[in-house]
Amino acid sequence: MPLMDTVTHQHLPFMKMHGLGNDFVVVDARKADIEITPAMARGIGHRRFGIGFDQLTVISNGPGDAHLVFYNSDGSTSGACGNATRCVARYLMNDLSTEKLHLTTERGDLYAIDAGDGLTSVNMGHPQLQWSDIPLAEDADTLELPIEGGPSATGMGNPHCTFFVEDAERIPLEEFGPRYEHHPLYPERTNVQIAHLVGPDHLRMRVWERGVGVTLSSGSSSCATAVAAARRGLTGRKVQIDLDGGTLWIDWREDGVWMTGETMHVCNGEFTRQFLESLAE
């Protein structure tokens, strides 16, 4: 049932959260019949005419503790969003009075825990390393793609393209990112990361997200970069990644890629009837 059929007669509650500056609008639909359309996502995501976000997350009931669906600010969907998953996990752990969660997404089953000291950890699952799973348009060496700069390809429920450079700070990401987001080797577009080695098991990374643009942080991108660095022998499987918005810790274990970091629940609000009606398709 379209969102406009169910909420135009009332105000729609939402929450604003961020994980290291990677910001989200979150709608808790566990007790309401709500469906977000692409037009709704684009309207809410506009930073002048809406609220603005890197991703919008809808929480619904599922076979686990909750099911999550992610929208990019251009209205497209994403199979995974690590920082949003951590933010929602922290909210749900507080709401359900638990320290462990079982979440489901298009990516599959994800598990979250309270890591203590205000940190939240999420197991983002096993990385996808076969070209067809990422997916790529054709068979290619995912460790070093036939693209200038030899980036690595990794799937984390969404596609990633990771470049290792001498100095990530010197790359003009606003020009570099869209050039590779739409590369023909990636039929579903890709997230783009540029990273350099700071020290043993320590990386500096910047992110261009497909359907969004430059973001201050990205959880799935951090997982993909950590996996690529370990596969290349640049680091071990447990690394610190410094992003524009802060630091994440990634641990590629036997049961999947664990991501740990801070979250912030900024505020609660309501979308008005006037605003919702303006976004009707």
Protein backbone atom coordinates (compact mmCIF):
# COMPACT_ATOMS: atom_id res chain seq x y z
CA MET A 1 0.00 0.00 0.00
CA PRO A 2 1.56 3.35 -0.99
CA LEU A 3 2.67 5.61 1.80
CA MET A 4 0.30 8.38 0.69
CA ASP A 5 -2.72 6.11 1.22
CA THR A 6 -1.81 5.57 4.85
CA VAL A 7 -0.22 8.71 6.29
CA THR A 8 -1.53 11.81 4.48
CA HIS A 9 -4.17 12.20 7.16
CA GLN A 10 -1.55 12.44 9.87
CA HIS A 11 2.02 13.43 10.55
CA LEU A 12 4.68 10.79 9.81
CA PRO A 13 7.26 10.38 12.61
CA PHE A 14 10.94 10.02 11.73
CA MET A 15 14.33 9.99 13.44
CA LYS A 16 17.56 11.63 12.33
CA MET A 17 20.74 9.67 13.08
CA HIS A 18 24.33 9.55 11.89
CA GLY A 19 27.32 7.26 12.06
CA LEU A 20 30.45 9.43 11.89
CA GLY A 21 28.67 12.05 9.79
CA ASN A 22 27.11 9.47 7.44
CA ASP A 23 23.55 10.69 8.08
CA PHE A 24 20.20 8.96 7.92
CA VAL A 25 16.49 9.51 8.17
CA VAL A 26 14.94 6.50 9.88
CA VAL A 27 11.25 5.58 9.76
CA ASP A 28 10.03 2.97 12.24
CA ALA A 29 7.25 1.14 10.41
CA ARG A 30 6.93 -1.83 12.77
CA LYS A 31 3.51 -0.64 13.93
CA ALA A 32 2.33 1.15 10.78
CA ASP A 33 1.57 0.26 7.16
CA ILE A 34 4.16 2.49 5.44
CA GLU A 35 5.79 2.15 2.04
CA ILE A 36 8.35 4.66 0.84
CA THR A 37 8.28 5.41 -2.89
CA PRO A 38 11.29 6.67 -4.89
CA ALA A 39 9.64 10.11 -5.10
CA MET A 40 9.24 10.16 -1.32
CA ALA A 41 12.88 9.21 -0.82
CA ARG A 42 14.08 11.91 -3.22
CA GLY A 43 11.89 14.56 -1.60
CA ILE A 44 12.85 13.71 1.97
CA GLY A 45 16.52 13.47 0.93
CA HIS A 46 16.72 16.95 -0.56
CA ARG A 47 18.83 19.06 1.78
CA ARG A 48 16.95 22.28 0.92
CA PHE A 49 13.37 21.20 0.35
CA GLY A 50 13.37 18.16 2.66
CA ILE A 51 15.42 16.95 5.62
CA GLY A 52 18.39 15.54 3.77
CA PHE A 53 20.20 12.24 4.25
CA ASP A 54 22.82 9.96 2.78
CA GLN A 55 20.41 7.03 3.20
CA LEU A 56 16.84 6.62 4.39
CA THR A 57 16.12 3.48 6.42
CA VAL A 58 12.73 1.88 6.96
CA ILE A 59 12.39 -0.51 9.92
CA SER A 60 9.68 -3.16 9.56
CA ASN A 61 8.83 -6.46 11.18
CA GLY A 62 10.76 -9.48 9.97
CA PRO A 63 11.78 -13.02 10.84
CA GLY A 64 14.40 -11.65 13.21
CA ASP A 65 14.09 -8.65 15.51
CA ALA A 66 13.48 -6.33 12.53
CA HIS A 67 13.87 -5.99 8.76
CA LEU A 68 15.68 -3.00 7.20
CA VAL A 69 15.29 -1.42 3.76
CA PHE A 70 17.70 1.30 2.58
CA TYR A 71 17.11 4.13 0.09
CA ASN A 72 19.71 6.44 -1.43
CA SER A 73 19.00 10.16 -1.78
CA ASP A 74 18.34 9.74 -5.52
CA GLY A 75 15.46 7.37 -4.72
CA SER A 76 17.29 4.15 -5.60
CA THR A 77 17.61 1.32 -3.09
CA SER A 78 20.75 -0.23 -1.62
CA GLY A 79 21.13 -3.77 -0.39
CA ALA A 80 23.33 -2.74 2.52
CA CYS A 81 24.30 0.27 4.61
CA GLY A 82 26.65 -0.51 7.46
CA ASN A 83 26.49 2.74 9.40
CA ALA A 84 22.70 2.91 9.15
CA THR A 85 22.53 -0.67 10.38
CA ARG A 86 24.65 0.24 13.40
CA CYS A 87 22.51 3.30 14.16
CA VAL A 88 19.26 1.37 13.90
CA ALA A 89 20.75 -1.49 15.91
CA ARG A 90 21.61 0.89 18.76
CA TYR A 91 18.06 2.31 18.67
CA LEU A 92 16.49 -1.16 18.66
CA MET A 93 18.74 -2.49 21.42
CA ASN A 94 17.59 0.41 23.61
CA ASP A 95 13.96 -0.07 22.55
CA LEU A 96 13.94 -3.85 23.09
CA SER A 97 16.23 -3.83 26.15
CA THR A 98 18.72 -6.27 24.65
CA GLU A 99 22.44 -6.35 23.86
CA LYS A 100 22.11 -8.59 20.79
CA LEU A 101 20.01 -8.34 17.64
CA HIS A 102 19.15 -10.40 14.59
CA LEU A 103 18.37 -8.12 11.64
CA THR A 104 17.40 -8.99 8.08
CA THR A 105 18.14 -6.97 4.95
CA GLU A 106 18.35 -7.56 1.21
CA ARG A 107 21.95 -8.50 2.04
CA GLY A 108 20.67 -11.31 4.29
CA ASP A 109 20.90 -11.94 8.03
CA LEU A 110 22.97 -9.46 10.02
CA TYR A 111 23.80 -9.66 13.72
CA ALA A 112 24.54 -6.72 16.00
CA ILE A 113 25.88 -6.45 19.53
CA ASP A 114 26.54 -3.75 22.11
CA ALA A 115 30.35 -3.49 22.08
CA GLY A 116 30.48 -1.37 25.24
CA ASP A 117 31.70 2.20 25.78
CA GLY A 118 28.93 3.50 23.52
CA LEU A 119 30.13 1.47 20.54
CA THR A 120 27.95 -0.77 18.38
CA SER A 121 29.19 -3.72 16.31
CA VAL A 122 27.48 -5.28 13.30
CA ASN A 123 28.49 -8.40 11.41
CA MET A 124 28.08 -7.36 7.77
CA GLY A 125 28.41 -10.94 6.52
CA HIS A 126 30.96 -12.56 4.26
CA PRO A 127 32.40 -10.44 1.44
CA GLN A 128 31.46 -11.30 -2.12
CA LEU A 129 34.67 -11.85 -4.08
CA GLN A 130 33.47 -13.59 -7.25
CA TRP A 131 32.92 -11.24 -10.20
CA SER A 132 29.37 -12.45 -10.79
CA ASP A 133 28.34 -11.91 -7.16
CA ILE A 134 29.57 -8.31 -6.83
CA PRO A 135 28.35 -8.02 -9.67
CA LEU A 136 30.68 -7.11 -12.53
CA ALA A 137 29.64 -7.03 -16.16
CA GLU A 138 32.19 -9.69 -17.12
CA ASP A 139 34.72 -12.10 -15.67
CA ALA A 140 37.63 -10.14 -14.20
CA ASP A 141 40.29 -10.42 -11.52
CA THR A 142 38.54 -8.82 -8.54
CA LEU A 143 41.82 -8.28 -6.71
CA GLU A 144 43.10 -5.99 -9.46
CA LEU A 145 40.54 -4.87 -12.02
CA PRO A 146 41.50 -3.96 -15.61
CA ILE A 147 40.90 -0.29 -14.79
CA GLU A 148 43.56 2.41 -14.58
CA GLY A 149 44.96 2.30 -11.06
CA GLY A 150 44.18 -1.42 -10.63
CA PRO A 151 41.39 -1.10 -8.01
CA SER A 152 39.90 -4.07 -6.17
CA ALA A 153 36.26 -5.10 -6.47
CA THR A 154 34.34 -6.32 -3.43
CA GLY A 155 30.68 -6.98 -2.75
CA MET A 156 29.20 -6.28 0.69
CA GLY A 157 25.57 -6.56 -0.38
CA ASN A 158 26.38 -3.62 -2.66
CA PRO A 159 29.28 -3.21 -5.13
CA HIS A 160 32.56 -1.49 -4.25
CA CYS A 161 35.61 -0.32 -6.17
CA THR A 162 38.65 0.42 -3.97
CA PHE A 163 41.72 2.34 -5.14
CA PHE A 164 44.89 2.28 -3.05
CA VAL A 165 46.89 5.47 -3.59
CA GLU A 166 49.85 7.28 -2.06
CA ASP A 167 47.74 10.06 -0.55
CA ALA A 168 43.93 9.90 -0.48
CA GLU A 169 43.78 13.55 0.56
CA ARG A 170 45.14 14.71 -2.78
CA ILE A 171 42.54 12.98 -4.97
CA PRO A 172 39.71 15.31 -6.16
CA LEU A 173 36.95 12.95 -5.05
CA GLU A 174 34.13 15.05 -6.53
CA GLU A 175 35.59 14.41 -9.99
CA PHE A 176 37.10 10.98 -9.36
CA GLY A 177 34.03 9.35 -7.78
CA PRO A 178 31.40 9.77 -10.50
CA ARG A 179 33.91 8.74 -13.18
CA TYR A 180 34.08 5.25 -11.69
CA GLU A 181 30.59 4.99 -10.15
CA HIS A 182 29.28 4.62 -13.72
CA HIS A 183 32.13 2.49 -15.09
CA PRO A 184 30.82 -0.07 -17.61
CA LEU A 185 32.41 -2.90 -15.64
CA TYR A 186 29.82 -2.21 -12.90
CA PRO A 187 26.31 -2.76 -14.32
CA GLU A 188 24.63 -1.65 -11.08
CA ARG A 189 27.04 1.27 -10.56
CA THR A 190 29.47 1.15 -7.64
CA ASN A 191 30.61 2.83 -4.46
CA VAL A 192 34.13 4.22 -4.89
CA GLN A 193 36.82 4.35 -2.21
CA ILE A 194 40.30 5.84 -2.23
CA ALA A 195 42.62 4.78 0.57
CA HIS A 196 46.22 4.88 1.67
CA LEU A 197 48.19 3.06 4.33
CA VAL A 198 48.89 5.16 7.44
CA GLY A 199 50.72 2.46 9.40
CA PRO A 200 50.44 -1.21 10.29
CA ASP A 201 46.75 -2.19 10.09
CA HIS A 202 45.77 1.47 9.82
CA LEU A 203 44.15 3.03 6.73
CA ARG A 204 42.92 6.48 5.72
CA MET A 205 39.90 6.33 3.41
CA ARG A 206 37.54 8.68 1.57
CA VAL A 207 34.24 7.67 0.01
CA TRP A 208 32.03 8.38 -2.98
CA GLU A 209 28.69 6.56 -2.60
CA ARG A 210 26.62 5.61 -5.62
CA GLY A 211 23.38 7.53 -5.74
CA VAL A 212 24.60 9.93 -3.04
CA GLY A 213 28.02 11.47 -3.71
CA VAL A 214 30.78 12.31 -1.25
CA THR A 215 29.99 11.10 2.27
CA LEU A 216 31.86 11.64 5.52
CA SER A 217 31.77 7.94 6.28
CA SER A 218 30.52 4.62 4.91
CA GLY A 219 30.32 1.35 6.79
CA SER A 220 30.04 -1.03 3.86
CA SER A 221 32.82 0.88 2.07
CA SER A 222 35.03 0.50 5.14
CA CYS A 223 34.36 -3.25 5.19
CA ALA A 224 35.12 -3.55 1.48
CA THR A 225 38.34 -1.55 1.81
CA ALA A 226 39.51 -3.62 4.78
CA VAL A 227 38.86 -6.84 2.84
CA ALA A 228 40.68 -5.51 -0.23
CA ALA A 229 43.67 -4.36 1.85
CA ALA A 230 43.94 -7.76 3.55
CA ARG A 231 43.67 -9.61 0.24
CA ARG A 232 46.47 -7.46 -1.20
CA GLY A 233 48.69 -8.08 1.83
CA LEU A 234 48.72 -4.41 2.81
CA THR A 235 47.22 -5.10 6.23
CA GLY A 236 46.04 -7.91 8.43
CA ARG A 237 42.35 -8.75 8.76
CA LYS A 238 41.74 -6.40 11.69
CA VAL A 239 42.21 -2.71 10.84
CA GLN A 240 41.50 0.84 11.91
CA ILE A 241 40.03 3.04 9.18
CA ASP A 242 40.04 6.82 9.54
CA LEU A 243 37.30 8.54 7.53
CA ASP A 244 36.39 12.19 7.11
CA GLY A 245 33.79 11.81 9.90
CA GLY A 246 35.70 9.64 12.37
CA THR A 247 37.06 6.14 12.90
CA LEU A 248 35.70 2.63 12.34
CA TRP A 249 37.29 -0.65 13.36
CA ILE A 250 36.89 -3.54 10.93
CA ASP A 251 37.58 -7.19 11.78
CA TRP A 252 37.32 -9.76 8.98
CA ARG A 253 36.61 -12.95 10.94
CA GLU A 254 35.63 -16.47 9.97
CA ASP A 255 31.94 -15.66 10.47
CA GLY A 256 31.96 -12.41 8.47
CA VAL A 257 33.19 -8.81 8.49
CA TRP A 258 32.53 -7.07 11.81
CA MET A 259 32.32 -3.29 11.95
CA THR A 260 32.48 -1.29 15.18
CA GLY A 261 32.03 2.41 15.82
CA GLU A 262 30.05 5.22 17.38
CA THR A 263 26.47 6.19 16.54
CA MET A 264 24.38 9.28 17.20
CA HIS A 265 20.59 9.64 17.50
CA VAL A 266 20.26 13.36 16.76
CA CYS A 267 16.55 14.07 17.05
CA ASN A 268 12.98 12.95 16.44
CA GLY A 269 10.53 14.79 14.19
CA GLU A 270 7.41 14.52 12.08
CA PHE A 271 6.78 15.11 8.40
CA THR A 272 3.68 17.24 7.96
CA ARG A 273 0.67 16.39 5.84
CA GLN A 274 1.48 19.34 3.57
CA PHE A 275 5.00 18.05 2.93
CA LEU A 276 3.89 14.45 2.32
CA GLU A 277 1.18 15.52 -0.11
CA SER A 278 3.72 17.60 -2.06
CA LEU A 279 5.70 14.42 -2.73
CA ALA A 280 2.86 12.30 -4.10
CA GLU A 281 3.86 10.65 -7.39
